[in-house]
PDB file of all heavy atoms in Angstrom:
ATOM      1  N   GLY A   1     111.994 234.219  59.272  1.00  0.00           N
ATOM      2  CA  GLY A   1     112.655 233.126  60.001  1.00  0.00           C
ATOM      3  C   GLY A   1     113.676 232.373  59.149  1.00  0.00           C
ATOM      4  O   GLY A   1     113.559 232.350  57.923  1.00  0.00           O
ATOM      5  N   ASP A   2     114.649 231.835  59.818  1.00  0.00           N
ATOM      6  CA  ASP A   2     115.653 230.988  59.173  1.00  0.00           C
ATOM      7  C   ASP A   2     115.654 229.647  59.910  1.00  0.00           C
ATOM      8  O   ASP A   2     116.270 229.533  60.986  1.00  0.00           O
ATOM      9  CB  ASP A   2     117.041 231.648  59.229  1.00  0.00           C
ATOM     10  CG  ASP A   2     118.104 230.883  58.456  1.00  0.00           C
ATOM     11  OD1 ASP A   2     117.931 229.660  58.306  1.00  0.00           O
ATOM     12  OD2 ASP A   2     119.085 231.519  58.021  1.00  0.00           O
ATOM     13  N   ASN A   3     114.953 228.683  59.376  1.00  0.00           N
ATOM     14  CA  ASN A   3     114.786 227.431  60.088  1.00  0.00           C
ATOM     15  C   ASN A   3     116.116 226.690  60.296  1.00  0.00           C
ATOM     16  O   ASN A   3     116.326 226.038  61.315  1.00  0.00           O
ATOM     17  CB  ASN A   3     113.841 226.519  59.316  1.00  0.00           C
ATOM     18  CG  ASN A   3     112.413 227.056  59.294  1.00  0.00           C
ATOM     19  OD1 ASN A   3     111.991 227.770  60.197  1.00  0.00           O
ATOM     20  ND2 ASN A   3     111.684 226.736  58.246  1.00  0.00           N
ATOM     21  N   ALA A   4     117.015 226.833  59.329  1.00  0.00           N
ATOM     22  CA  ALA A   4     118.354 226.191  59.454  1.00  0.00           C
ATOM     23  C   ALA A   4     119.118 226.727  60.651  1.00  0.00           C
ATOM     24  O   ALA A   4     119.947 226.005  61.230  1.00  0.00           O
ATOM     25  CB  ALA A   4     119.117 226.350  58.171  1.00  0.00           C
ATOM     26  N   LYS A   5     118.913 227.992  60.980  1.00  0.00           N
ATOM     27  CA  LYS A   5     119.627 228.611  62.110  1.00  0.00           C
ATOM     28  C   LYS A   5     118.794 228.679  63.357  1.00  0.00           C
ATOM     29  O   LYS A   5     119.222 229.262  64.364  1.00  0.00           O
ATOM     30  CB  LYS A   5     120.073 230.042  61.690  1.00  0.00           C
ATOM     31  CG  LYS A   5     121.093 230.058  60.582  1.00  0.00           C
ATOM     32  CD  LYS A   5     121.542 231.499  60.285  1.00  0.00           C
ATOM     33  CE  LYS A   5     122.599 231.522  59.175  1.00  0.00           C
ATOM     34  NZ  LYS A   5     123.024 232.901  58.872  1.00  0.00           N
ATOM     35  N   ASN A   6     117.568 228.127  63.317  1.00  0.00           N
ATOM     36  CA  ASN A   6     116.667 228.190  64.478  1.00  0.00           C
ATOM     37  C   ASN A   6     116.523 229.628  64.966  1.00  0.00           C
ATOM     38  O   ASN A   6     116.498 229.908  66.177  1.00  0.00           O
ATOM     39  CB  ASN A   6     117.190 227.313  65.631  1.00  0.00           C
ATOM     40  CG  ASN A   6     117.306 225.864  65.248  1.00  0.00           C
ATOM     41  OD1 ASN A   6     116.497 225.350  64.500  1.00  0.00           O
ATOM     42  ND2 ASN A   6     118.318 225.215  65.755  1.00  0.00           N
ATOM     43  N   THR A   7     116.390 230.551  64.042  1.00  0.00           N
ATOM     44  CA  THR A   7     116.385 231.991  64.371  1.00  0.00           C
ATOM     45  C   THR A   7     115.228 232.696  63.688  1.00  0.00           C
ATOM     46  O   THR A   7     114.905 232.384  62.540  1.00  0.00           O
ATOM     47  CB  THR A   7     117.703 232.643  63.946  1.00  0.00           C
ATOM     48  OG1 THR A   7     118.806 232.022  64.639  1.00  0.00           O
ATOM     49  CG2 THR A   7     117.730 234.111  64.299  1.00  0.00           C
ATOM     50  N   VAL A   8     114.594 233.605  64.431  1.00  0.00           N
ATOM     51  CA  VAL A   8     113.569 234.467  63.912  1.00  0.00           C
ATOM     52  C   VAL A   8     114.016 235.906  64.039  1.00  0.00           C
ATOM     53  O   VAL A   8     114.684 236.264  65.035  1.00  0.00           O
ATOM     54  CB  VAL A   8     112.253 234.252  64.671  1.00  0.00           C
ATOM     55  CG1 VAL A   8     111.168 235.227  64.218  1.00  0.00           C
ATOM     56  CG2 VAL A   8     111.734 232.815  64.491  1.00  0.00           C
ATOM     57  N   TYR A   9     113.658 236.687  63.053  1.00  0.00           N
ATOM     58  CA  TYR A   9     114.097 238.112  63.028  1.00  0.00           C
ATOM     59  C   TYR A   9     112.886 239.017  63.038  1.00  0.00           C
ATOM     60  O   TYR A   9     111.807 238.650  62.602  1.00  0.00           O
ATOM     61  CB  TYR A   9     114.920 238.369  61.770  1.00  0.00           C
ATOM     62  CG  TYR A   9     116.111 237.457  61.598  1.00  0.00           C
ATOM     63  CD1 TYR A   9     116.002 236.338  60.765  1.00  0.00           C
ATOM     64  CD2 TYR A   9     117.295 237.686  62.260  1.00  0.00           C
ATOM     65  CE1 TYR A   9     117.083 235.486  60.603  1.00  0.00           C
ATOM     66  CE2 TYR A   9     118.382 236.853  62.105  1.00  0.00           C
ATOM     67  CZ  TYR A   9     118.277 235.747  61.270  1.00  0.00           C
ATOM     68  OH  TYR A   9     119.347 234.883  61.115  1.00  0.00           O
ATOM     69  N   LEU A  10     113.128 240.236  63.493  1.00  0.00           N
ATOM     70  CA  LEU A  10     112.119 241.293  63.393  1.00  0.00           C
ATOM     71  C   LEU A  10     112.838 242.537  62.889  1.00  0.00           C
ATOM     72  O   LEU A  10     113.616 243.142  63.613  1.00  0.00           O
ATOM     73  CB  LEU A  10     111.432 241.584  64.735  1.00  0.00           C
ATOM     74  CG  LEU A  10     110.298 242.605  64.666  1.00  0.00           C
ATOM     75  CD1 LEU A  10     109.115 242.039  63.886  1.00  0.00           C
ATOM     76  CD2 LEU A  10     109.838 243.003  66.056  1.00  0.00           C
ATOM     77  N   GLN A  11     112.610 242.840  61.593  1.00  0.00           N
ATOM     78  CA  GLN A  11     113.193 244.058  61.017  1.00  0.00           C
ATOM     79  C   GLN A  11     112.212 245.221  61.298  1.00  0.00           C
ATOM     80  O   GLN A  11     111.041 245.116  60.931  1.00  0.00           O
ATOM     81  CB  GLN A  11     113.376 243.891  59.505  1.00  0.00           C
ATOM     82  CG  GLN A  11     113.879 245.131  58.814  1.00  0.00           C
ATOM     83  CD  GLN A  11     115.284 245.484  59.231  1.00  0.00           C
ATOM     84  OE1 GLN A  11     116.182 244.621  59.337  1.00  0.00           O
ATOM     85  NE2 GLN A  11     115.542 246.775  59.470  1.00  0.00           N
ATOM     86  N   MET A  12     112.722 246.226  61.968  1.00  0.00           N
ATOM     87  CA  MET A  12     111.890 247.345  62.371  1.00  0.00           C
ATOM     88  C   MET A  12     112.389 248.613  61.699  1.00  0.00           C
ATOM     89  O   MET A  12     113.520 249.019  61.928  1.00  0.00           O
ATOM     90  CB  MET A  12     111.890 247.513  63.898  1.00  0.00           C
ATOM     91  CG  MET A  12     111.527 246.259  64.662  1.00  0.00           C
ATOM     92  SD  MET A  12     111.410 246.502  66.435  1.00  0.00           S
ATOM     93  CE  MET A  12     113.129 246.888  66.828  1.00  0.00           C
ATOM     94  N   ASN A  13     111.531 249.184  60.848  1.00  0.00           N
ATOM     95  CA  ASN A  13     111.890 250.411  60.123  1.00  0.00           C
ATOM     96  C   ASN A  13     110.981 251.535  60.557  1.00  0.00           C
ATOM     97  O   ASN A  13     109.907 251.319  61.135  1.00  0.00           O
ATOM     98  CB  ASN A  13     111.774 250.193  58.628  1.00  0.00           C
ATOM     99  CG  ASN A  13     112.713 249.119  58.094  1.00  0.00           C
ATOM    100  OD1 ASN A  13     113.824 248.962  58.628  1.00  0.00           O
ATOM    101  ND2 ASN A  13     112.284 248.406  57.076  1.00  0.00           N
ATOM    102  N   THR A  14     111.381 252.746  60.222  1.00  0.00           N
ATOM    103  CA  THR A  14     110.607 253.944  60.540  1.00  0.00           C
ATOM    104  C   THR A  14     110.112 253.937  61.992  1.00  0.00           C
ATOM    105  O   THR A  14     108.920 254.077  62.286  1.00  0.00           O
ATOM    106  CB  THR A  14     109.394 254.093  59.571  1.00  0.00           C
ATOM    107  OG1 THR A  14     109.773 253.736  58.244  1.00  0.00           O
ATOM    108  CG2 THR A  14     108.871 255.497  59.551  1.00  0.00           C
ATOM    109  N   LEU A  15     111.030 253.680  62.880  1.00  0.00           N
ATOM    110  CA  LEU A  15     110.681 253.546  64.282  1.00  0.00           C
ATOM    111  C   LEU A  15     110.156 254.855  64.891  1.00  0.00           C
ATOM    112  O   LEU A  15     110.619 255.959  64.493  1.00  0.00           O
ATOM    113  CB  LEU A  15     111.888 253.072  65.074  1.00  0.00           C
ATOM    114  CG  LEU A  15     112.184 251.575  64.915  1.00  0.00           C
ATOM    115  CD1 LEU A  15     113.582 251.218  65.313  1.00  0.00           C
ATOM    116  CD2 LEU A  15     111.173 250.768  65.774  1.00  0.00           C
ATOM    117  N   LYS A  16     109.229 254.718  65.796  1.00  0.00           N
ATOM    118  CA  LYS A  16     108.562 255.858  66.452  1.00  0.00           C
ATOM    119  C   LYS A  16     108.820 255.769  67.955  1.00  0.00           C
ATOM    120  O   LYS A  16     109.039 254.679  68.494  1.00  0.00           O
ATOM    121  CB  LYS A  16     107.057 255.797  66.191  1.00  0.00           C
ATOM    122  CG  LYS A  16     106.670 255.779  64.704  1.00  0.00           C
ATOM    123  CD  LYS A  16     105.165 255.618  64.583  1.00  0.00           C
ATOM    124  CE  LYS A  16     104.753 255.567  63.115  1.00  0.00           C
ATOM    125  NZ  LYS A  16     103.277 255.417  62.961  1.00  0.00           N
ATOM    126  N   PRO A  17     108.729 256.887  68.653  1.00  0.00           N
ATOM    127  CA  PRO A  17     108.904 256.836  70.115  1.00  0.00           C
ATOM    128  C   PRO A  17     107.961 255.821  70.783  1.00  0.00           C
ATOM    129  O   PRO A  17     108.333 255.204  71.780  1.00  0.00           O
ATOM    130  CB  PRO A  17     108.617 258.254  70.535  1.00  0.00           C
ATOM    131  CG  PRO A  17     109.041 259.091  69.374  1.00  0.00           C
ATOM    132  CD  PRO A  17     108.635 258.279  68.205  1.00  0.00           C
ATOM    133  N   GLU A  18     106.774 255.675  70.221  1.00  0.00           N
ATOM    134  CA  GLU A  18     105.792 254.761  70.843  1.00  0.00           C
ATOM    135  C   GLU A  18     106.133 253.302  70.626  1.00  0.00           C
ATOM    136  O   GLU A  18     105.489 252.413  71.155  1.00  0.00           O
ATOM    137  CB  GLU A  18     104.376 255.040  70.321  1.00  0.00           C
ATOM    138  CG  GLU A  18     104.259 255.113  68.819  1.00  0.00           C
ATOM    139  CD  GLU A  18     104.304 256.554  68.273  1.00  0.00           C
ATOM    140  OE1 GLU A  18     105.153 257.329  68.763  1.00  0.00           O
ATOM    141  OE2 GLU A  18     103.504 256.849  67.410  1.00  0.00           O
ATOM    142  N   ASP A  19     107.196 253.018  69.852  1.00  0.00           N
ATOM    143  CA  ASP A  19     107.685 251.656  69.718  1.00  0.00           C
ATOM    144  C   ASP A  19     108.623 251.273  70.859  1.00  0.00           C
ATOM    145  O   ASP A  19     109.045 250.119  70.943  1.00  0.00           O
ATOM    146  CB  ASP A  19     108.448 251.484  68.383  1.00  0.00           C
ATOM    147  CG  ASP A  19     107.536 251.628  67.192  1.00  0.00           C
ATOM    148  OD1 ASP A  19     106.421 251.109  67.188  1.00  0.00           O
ATOM    149  OD2 ASP A  19     107.984 252.261  66.192  1.00  0.00           O
ATOM    150  N   THR A  20     108.937 252.230  71.715  1.00  0.00           N
ATOM    151  CA  THR A  20     109.810 251.975  72.848  1.00  0.00           C
ATOM    152  C   THR A  20     109.182 250.929  73.768  1.00  0.00           C
ATOM    153  O   THR A  20     108.052 251.091  74.205  1.00  0.00           O
ATOM    154  CB  THR A  20     110.096 253.258  73.625  1.00  0.00           C
ATOM    155  OG1 THR A  20     110.822 254.157  72.805  1.00  0.00           O
ATOM    156  CG2 THR A  20     110.863 252.994  74.887  1.00  0.00           C
ATOM    157  N   ALA A  21     109.913 249.845  74.058  1.00  0.00           N
ATOM    158  CA  ALA A  21     109.400 248.774  74.855  1.00  0.00           C
ATOM    159  C   ALA A  21     110.488 247.708  75.020  1.00  0.00           C
ATOM    160  O   ALA A  21     111.524 247.765  74.340  1.00  0.00           O
ATOM    161  CB  ALA A  21     108.172 248.143  74.224  1.00  0.00           C
ATOM    162  N   VAL A  22     110.209 246.741  75.896  1.00  0.00           N
ATOM    163  CA  VAL A  22     110.985 245.517  75.917  1.00  0.00           C
ATOM    164  C   VAL A  22     110.345 244.564  74.925  1.00  0.00           C
ATOM    165  O   VAL A  22     109.123 244.322  75.011  1.00  0.00           O
ATOM    166  CB  VAL A  22     111.041 244.912  77.325  1.00  0.00           C
ATOM    167  CG1 VAL A  22     111.848 243.593  77.290  1.00  0.00           C
ATOM    168  CG2 VAL A  22     111.677 245.901  78.292  1.00  0.00           C
ATOM    169  N   TYR A  23     111.128 244.028  74.015  1.00  0.00           N
ATOM    170  CA  TYR A  23     110.617 243.112  73.017  1.00  0.00           C
ATOM    171  C   TYR A  23     110.992 241.706  73.372  1.00  0.00           C
ATOM    172  O   TYR A  23     112.155 241.389  73.667  1.00  0.00           O
ATOM    173  CB  TYR A  23     111.212 243.473  71.638  1.00  0.00           C
ATOM    174  CG  TYR A  23     110.544 244.677  71.055  1.00  0.00           C
ATOM    175  CD1 TYR A  23     110.774 245.969  71.577  1.00  0.00           C
ATOM    176  CD2 TYR A  23     109.702 244.553  69.954  1.00  0.00           C
ATOM    177  CE1 TYR A  23     110.132 247.082  71.043  1.00  0.00           C
ATOM    178  CE2 TYR A  23     109.062 245.679  69.385  1.00  0.00           C
ATOM    179  CZ  TYR A  23     109.281 246.942  69.951  1.00  0.00           C
ATOM    180  OH  TYR A  23     108.667 248.037  69.389  1.00  0.00           O
ATOM    181  N   TYR A  24     109.985 240.802  73.331  1.00  0.00           N
ATOM    182  CA  TYR A  24     110.122 239.433  73.753  1.00  0.00           C
ATOM    183  C   TYR A  24     109.842 238.518  72.572  1.00  0.00           C
ATOM    184  O   TYR A  24     108.891 238.767  71.798  1.00  0.00           O
ATOM    185  CB  TYR A  24     109.136 239.065  74.862  1.00  0.00           C
ATOM    186  CG  TYR A  24     109.325 239.836  76.117  1.00  0.00           C
ATOM    187  CD1 TYR A  24     108.675 241.026  76.364  1.00  0.00           C
ATOM    188  CD2 TYR A  24     110.167 239.341  77.142  1.00  0.00           C
ATOM    189  CE1 TYR A  24     108.849 241.736  77.562  1.00  0.00           C
ATOM    190  CE2 TYR A  24     110.342 240.022  78.335  1.00  0.00           C
ATOM    191  CZ  TYR A  24     109.706 241.247  78.499  1.00  0.00           C
ATOM    192  OH  TYR A  24     109.861 241.927  79.694  1.00  0.00           O
ATOM    193  N   CYS A  25     110.610 237.483  72.508  1.00  0.00           N
ATOM    194  CA  CYS A  25     110.377 236.384  71.529  1.00  0.00           C
ATOM    195  C   CYS A  25     109.601 235.310  72.205  1.00  0.00           C
ATOM    196  O   CYS A  25     109.749 235.010  73.424  1.00  0.00           O
ATOM    197  CB  CYS A  25     111.739 235.871  71.052  1.00  0.00           C
ATOM    198  SG  CYS A  25     111.674 234.518  69.884  1.00  0.00           S
TER     199      CYS A  25
END
């Protein structure tokens, strides 16, 4: 997270087909 930017991140590595989805914050 970056509190100054009011932003949260999700770094996703080594992605797999089963990671396919709609991602919600």
